[in-house]
Structures are given as structure tokens and as C-alpha cells.
N, C-alpha and C. Protein backbone atom coordinates (compact mmCIF):
# COMPACT_ATOMS: atom_id res chain seq x y z
N MET A 1 -22.44 -17.44 -16.05
CA MET A 1 -21.51 -16.97 -15.10
C MET A 1 -20.72 -15.81 -15.98
N PRO A 2 -20.47 -14.64 -15.08
CA PRO A 2 -19.78 -13.82 -15.95
C PRO A 2 -18.32 -14.27 -16.02
N ARG A 3 -17.58 -13.64 -16.91
CA ARG A 3 -16.05 -14.00 -17.38
C ARG A 3 -15.35 -12.89 -17.29
N ALA A 4 -14.07 -13.10 -16.86
CA ALA A 4 -13.01 -11.73 -16.43
C ALA A 4 -12.62 -11.67 -18.03
N ALA A 5 -11.76 -10.72 -17.89
CA ALA A 5 -10.91 -10.14 -19.36
C ALA A 5 -10.31 -11.19 -19.67
N SER A 6 -9.58 -12.19 -18.98
CA SER A 6 -8.85 -13.46 -19.35
C SER A 6 -9.55 -14.62 -19.85
N GLY A 7 -11.27 -14.59 -19.75
CA GLY A 7 -11.73 -15.57 -20.32
C GLY A 7 -12.12 -16.40 -19.19
N HIS A 8 -11.74 -16.40 -17.89
CA HIS A 8 -11.91 -17.33 -16.73
C HIS A 8 -13.36 -17.02 -16.13
N PRO A 9 -14.09 -17.58 -15.67
CA PRO A 9 -15.41 -17.58 -15.05
C PRO A 9 -15.19 -16.96 -13.75
N VAL A 10 -16.19 -15.65 -13.35
CA VAL A 10 -15.81 -15.01 -12.25
C VAL A 10 -17.19 -15.49 -11.43
N ASP A 11 -16.91 -15.85 -9.99
CA ASP A 11 -17.97 -15.94 -8.98
C ASP A 11 -18.88 -14.56 -8.79
N PRO A 12 -20.31 -14.60 -9.23
CA PRO A 12 -20.57 -13.30 -8.81
C PRO A 12 -20.71 -12.72 -7.58
N ASP A 13 -20.75 -13.80 -6.47
CA ASP A 13 -20.75 -13.31 -5.18
C ASP A 13 -19.13 -12.65 -4.75
N LEU A 14 -18.16 -13.31 -5.48
CA LEU A 14 -16.91 -12.75 -5.38
C LEU A 14 -16.62 -11.52 -6.04
N ALA A 15 -17.19 -11.07 -7.14
CA ALA A 15 -17.14 -10.03 -7.75
C ALA A 15 -17.61 -8.90 -7.13
N THR A 16 -19.04 -9.19 -6.41
CA THR A 16 -19.62 -8.25 -5.81
C THR A 16 -18.82 -7.99 -4.39
N ALA A 17 -18.35 -8.85 -3.82
CA ALA A 17 -17.44 -8.68 -2.39
C ALA A 17 -16.49 -7.77 -2.99
N VAL A 18 -15.80 -8.02 -4.04
CA VAL A 18 -14.62 -7.32 -4.62
C VAL A 18 -15.10 -5.71 -4.61
N ALA A 19 -16.09 -5.46 -5.37
CA ALA A 19 -16.58 -4.18 -5.92
C ALA A 19 -17.09 -3.48 -4.54
N VAL A 20 -17.91 -4.08 -3.72
CA VAL A 20 -17.97 -3.43 -2.21
C VAL A 20 -16.80 -2.92 -1.50
N ARG A 21 -15.68 -3.91 -1.61
CA ARG A 21 -14.46 -3.73 -0.80
C ARG A 21 -13.82 -2.27 -1.60
N LEU A 22 -13.78 -2.43 -2.81
CA LEU A 22 -12.98 -1.29 -3.67
C LEU A 22 -13.94 0.22 -3.20
N ALA A 23 -15.09 -0.16 -3.25
CA ALA A 23 -16.03 1.27 -2.99
C ALA A 23 -15.56 1.74 -1.61
N GLY A 24 -15.21 0.91 -0.67
CA GLY A 24 -15.16 0.97 0.91
C GLY A 24 -13.75 1.69 0.78
N TYR A 25 -12.77 1.19 0.27
CA TYR A 25 -11.32 1.85 0.15
C TYR A 25 -11.57 3.37 -0.36
N ALA A 26 -12.27 3.39 -1.45
CA ALA A 26 -12.40 4.55 -2.10
C ALA A 26 -13.08 5.73 -1.05
N GLU A 27 -13.94 5.30 -0.29
CA GLU A 27 -14.67 6.09 0.66
C GLU A 27 -13.90 6.66 1.78
N VAL A 28 -13.03 5.42 2.33
CA VAL A 28 -11.89 5.86 3.31
C VAL A 28 -10.97 6.80 2.73
N GLU A 29 -10.63 6.94 1.61
CA GLU A 29 -9.61 7.82 1.09
C GLU A 29 -10.29 9.07 1.08
N ARG A 30 -11.53 9.31 0.84
CA ARG A 30 -12.23 10.37 0.61
C ARG A 30 -12.21 11.21 2.07
N VAL A 31 -12.45 10.11 3.03
CA VAL A 31 -12.58 10.83 4.37
C VAL A 31 -11.26 11.33 4.88
N ARG A 32 -10.03 10.42 4.49
CA ARG A 32 -8.79 10.98 4.79
C ARG A 32 -8.31 12.09 4.21
N ARG A 33 -8.75 12.26 3.02
CA ARG A 33 -8.43 13.74 2.45
C ARG A 33 -8.94 14.68 3.05
N ARG A 34 -10.17 14.58 3.36
CA ARG A 34 -11.13 15.60 3.93
C ARG A 34 -10.60 15.93 5.29
N GLU A 35 -10.15 14.94 6.13
CA GLU A 35 -9.69 15.18 7.37
C GLU A 35 -8.39 16.06 7.10
N LEU A 36 -7.67 15.50 6.55
CA LEU A 36 -6.25 16.19 6.14
C LEU A 36 -6.37 17.65 5.97
N ARG A 37 -7.43 17.95 4.92
CA ARG A 37 -7.60 19.33 4.52
C ARG A 37 -8.22 20.30 5.66
N ARG A 38 -8.82 19.58 6.66
CA ARG A 38 -9.34 20.15 7.80
C ARG A 38 -8.15 20.40 9.15
N LEU A 39 -7.21 19.89 8.92
CA LEU A 39 -6.07 19.96 9.95
C LEU A 39 -5.73 21.59 10.07
N THR A 40 -5.57 21.79 11.12
CA THR A 40 -5.02 23.34 11.35
C THR A 40 -3.12 23.01 11.50
N GLU A 41 -2.55 24.17 11.20
CA GLU A 41 -1.17 24.02 11.11
C GLU A 41 -0.86 23.67 12.47
N GLY A 42 -1.39 23.90 13.57
CA GLY A 42 -1.18 23.60 14.83
C GLY A 42 -1.26 22.17 15.34
N GLU A 43 -2.48 21.57 14.66
CA GLU A 43 -2.89 20.20 14.93
C GLU A 43 -1.70 19.38 13.92
N ALA A 44 -1.21 19.69 12.83
CA ALA A 44 -0.34 19.04 12.14
C ALA A 44 1.00 19.11 12.70
N ALA A 45 1.45 20.26 13.62
CA ALA A 45 2.66 20.17 14.19
C ALA A 45 2.48 19.29 15.27
N ILE A 46 1.71 19.07 16.10
CA ILE A 46 1.33 18.14 17.39
C ILE A 46 1.68 16.69 16.54
N ILE A 47 0.84 16.67 15.70
CA ILE A 47 1.00 15.17 15.07
C ILE A 47 2.35 15.02 14.66
N ALA A 48 3.23 15.77 13.84
CA ALA A 48 4.32 15.19 13.47
C ALA A 48 5.36 15.30 14.76
N ASP A 49 5.09 16.12 15.85
CA ASP A 49 6.00 15.86 16.91
C ASP A 49 5.74 14.63 17.67
N ASP A 50 4.67 14.08 17.57
CA ASP A 50 4.38 13.01 18.10
C ASP A 50 5.11 11.78 17.44
N LEU A 51 4.91 12.01 16.36
CA LEU A 51 5.56 10.82 15.26
C LEU A 51 7.12 10.86 15.59
N LEU A 52 7.73 12.15 15.65
CA LEU A 52 8.96 12.26 15.94
C LEU A 52 9.80 11.60 17.21
N GLN A 53 8.55 11.59 18.21
CA GLN A 53 8.84 11.11 19.29
C GLN A 53 8.85 9.51 19.45
N VAL A 54 8.00 8.97 18.64
CA VAL A 54 8.14 7.53 18.46
C VAL A 54 9.05 6.79 17.82
N LEU A 55 9.70 7.67 16.47
CA LEU A 55 10.54 7.31 15.71
C LEU A 55 11.96 6.59 16.45
N PRO A 56 12.39 7.03 17.45
CA PRO A 56 13.53 6.41 17.95
C PRO A 56 13.33 5.13 18.67
N LEU A 57 11.91 4.81 19.01
CA LEU A 57 11.52 3.53 19.56
C LEU A 57 11.27 2.30 18.71
N LEU A 58 11.30 2.90 17.35
CA LEU A 58 11.18 1.68 16.36
C LEU A 58 12.57 1.13 16.00
N ALA A 59 12.36 -0.29 15.77
CA ALA A 59 13.50 -0.99 15.32
C ALA A 59 13.91 -0.46 13.77
N ASP A 60 15.24 -0.53 13.52
CA ASP A 60 15.69 -0.18 12.50
C ASP A 60 15.20 -1.23 11.10
N GLU A 61 15.08 -0.87 10.16
CA GLU A 61 14.82 -1.60 8.99
C GLU A 61 16.12 -2.34 8.66
N PRO A 62 15.94 -3.64 8.34
CA PRO A 62 17.29 -4.21 7.71
C PRO A 62 17.57 -3.71 6.64
N ASP A 63 18.93 -3.58 6.20
CA ASP A 63 19.40 -3.30 5.06
C ASP A 63 19.04 -4.36 3.79
N ARG A 64 18.17 -4.16 2.95
CA ARG A 64 17.75 -5.16 2.05
C ARG A 64 18.73 -4.99 0.62
N GLY A 65 19.17 -3.71 0.45
CA GLY A 65 20.08 -3.57 -0.85
C GLY A 65 19.08 -3.27 -1.71
N SER A 66 19.24 -3.11 -2.95
CA SER A 66 18.70 -2.68 -4.27
C SER A 66 17.95 -3.99 -4.89
N GLY A 67 18.40 -5.21 -4.66
CA GLY A 67 18.34 -6.22 -5.24
C GLY A 67 18.96 -6.42 -6.45
N LEU A 68 19.86 -5.59 -7.12
CA LEU A 68 20.74 -5.49 -8.22
C LEU A 68 21.65 -6.68 -8.10
N VAL A 69 22.11 -6.84 -7.13
CA VAL A 69 23.21 -7.83 -6.98
C VAL A 69 22.81 -9.16 -7.03
N ASP A 70 21.74 -9.40 -6.60
CA ASP A 70 20.86 -10.65 -6.61
C ASP A 70 20.46 -10.88 -8.26
N GLN A 71 19.81 -9.90 -8.67
CA GLN A 71 19.60 -9.91 -10.06
C GLN A 71 20.56 -10.23 -10.97
N GLN A 72 21.75 -9.69 -11.02
CA GLN A 72 22.82 -9.86 -11.76
C GLN A 72 23.42 -11.23 -11.71
N ARG A 73 23.37 -11.69 -10.18
CA ARG A 73 23.94 -13.08 -9.95
C ARG A 73 22.99 -14.19 -10.86
N ILE A 74 21.48 -13.89 -10.64
CA ILE A 74 20.80 -14.68 -11.35
C ILE A 74 20.95 -14.70 -12.75
N PHE A 75 20.98 -13.62 -13.37
CA PHE A 75 21.17 -13.47 -15.10
C PHE A 75 22.43 -13.99 -15.37
N SER A 76 23.54 -13.97 -14.54
CA SER A 76 24.68 -14.60 -14.98
C SER A 76 24.67 -16.20 -15.03
N LYS A 77 23.96 -16.73 -14.06
CA LYS A 77 23.88 -18.36 -13.87
C LYS A 77 22.94 -18.57 -15.26
N LEU A 78 22.03 -17.86 -15.57
CA LEU A 78 21.01 -18.26 -16.64
C LEU A 78 21.97 -18.19 -17.95
N ARG A 79 22.88 -17.15 -17.79
CA ARG A 79 23.83 -17.05 -19.15
C ARG A 79 24.86 -18.18 -19.30
N GLY A 80 24.89 -18.87 -18.10
CA GLY A 80 25.72 -20.18 -18.18
C GLY A 80 27.07 -19.78 -17.56
């Protein structure tokens, strides 16, 4: 059985499935880039306008902050 860089055994079927999935992602990215290159300025403007029409309908993202305050609190507890 093949081993990962960590030395752990790797299931060959899982390794094959991951390789196929990654190849699929790469192909989707190639198609996406090709389609974006082919967009005319008018088509891009229509898509942008459609997105701007939808934005007001989306819920606001909650303010999650930067996490810095929580991080400092945790470090303070760890220091004693």
C-alpha cells in the first residue's frame, strides 16, 4: 500500500478519487477562464447589473470582527 509523505498508509482507491477530483477542478477552472475571456463588455455589464440588482436582497453578513480581541483574551488566560 502506498504511503503519504507523513508515512501513513494511503488507500489507493481514495488516492485515485482525489486525483480525479483535482483534475476535475482544474478543468472547471480552465473552462471558467476561457468563458470569462470570451465575454464581451456588454455581456459583462449585464451580468454586473444583474448582481447589483440582487445585492439588496441578500442578508447582511454578521460583524465577526477580526478575531484579534478573542485571540488576545486567550493569550492573556494562557499567561496566567
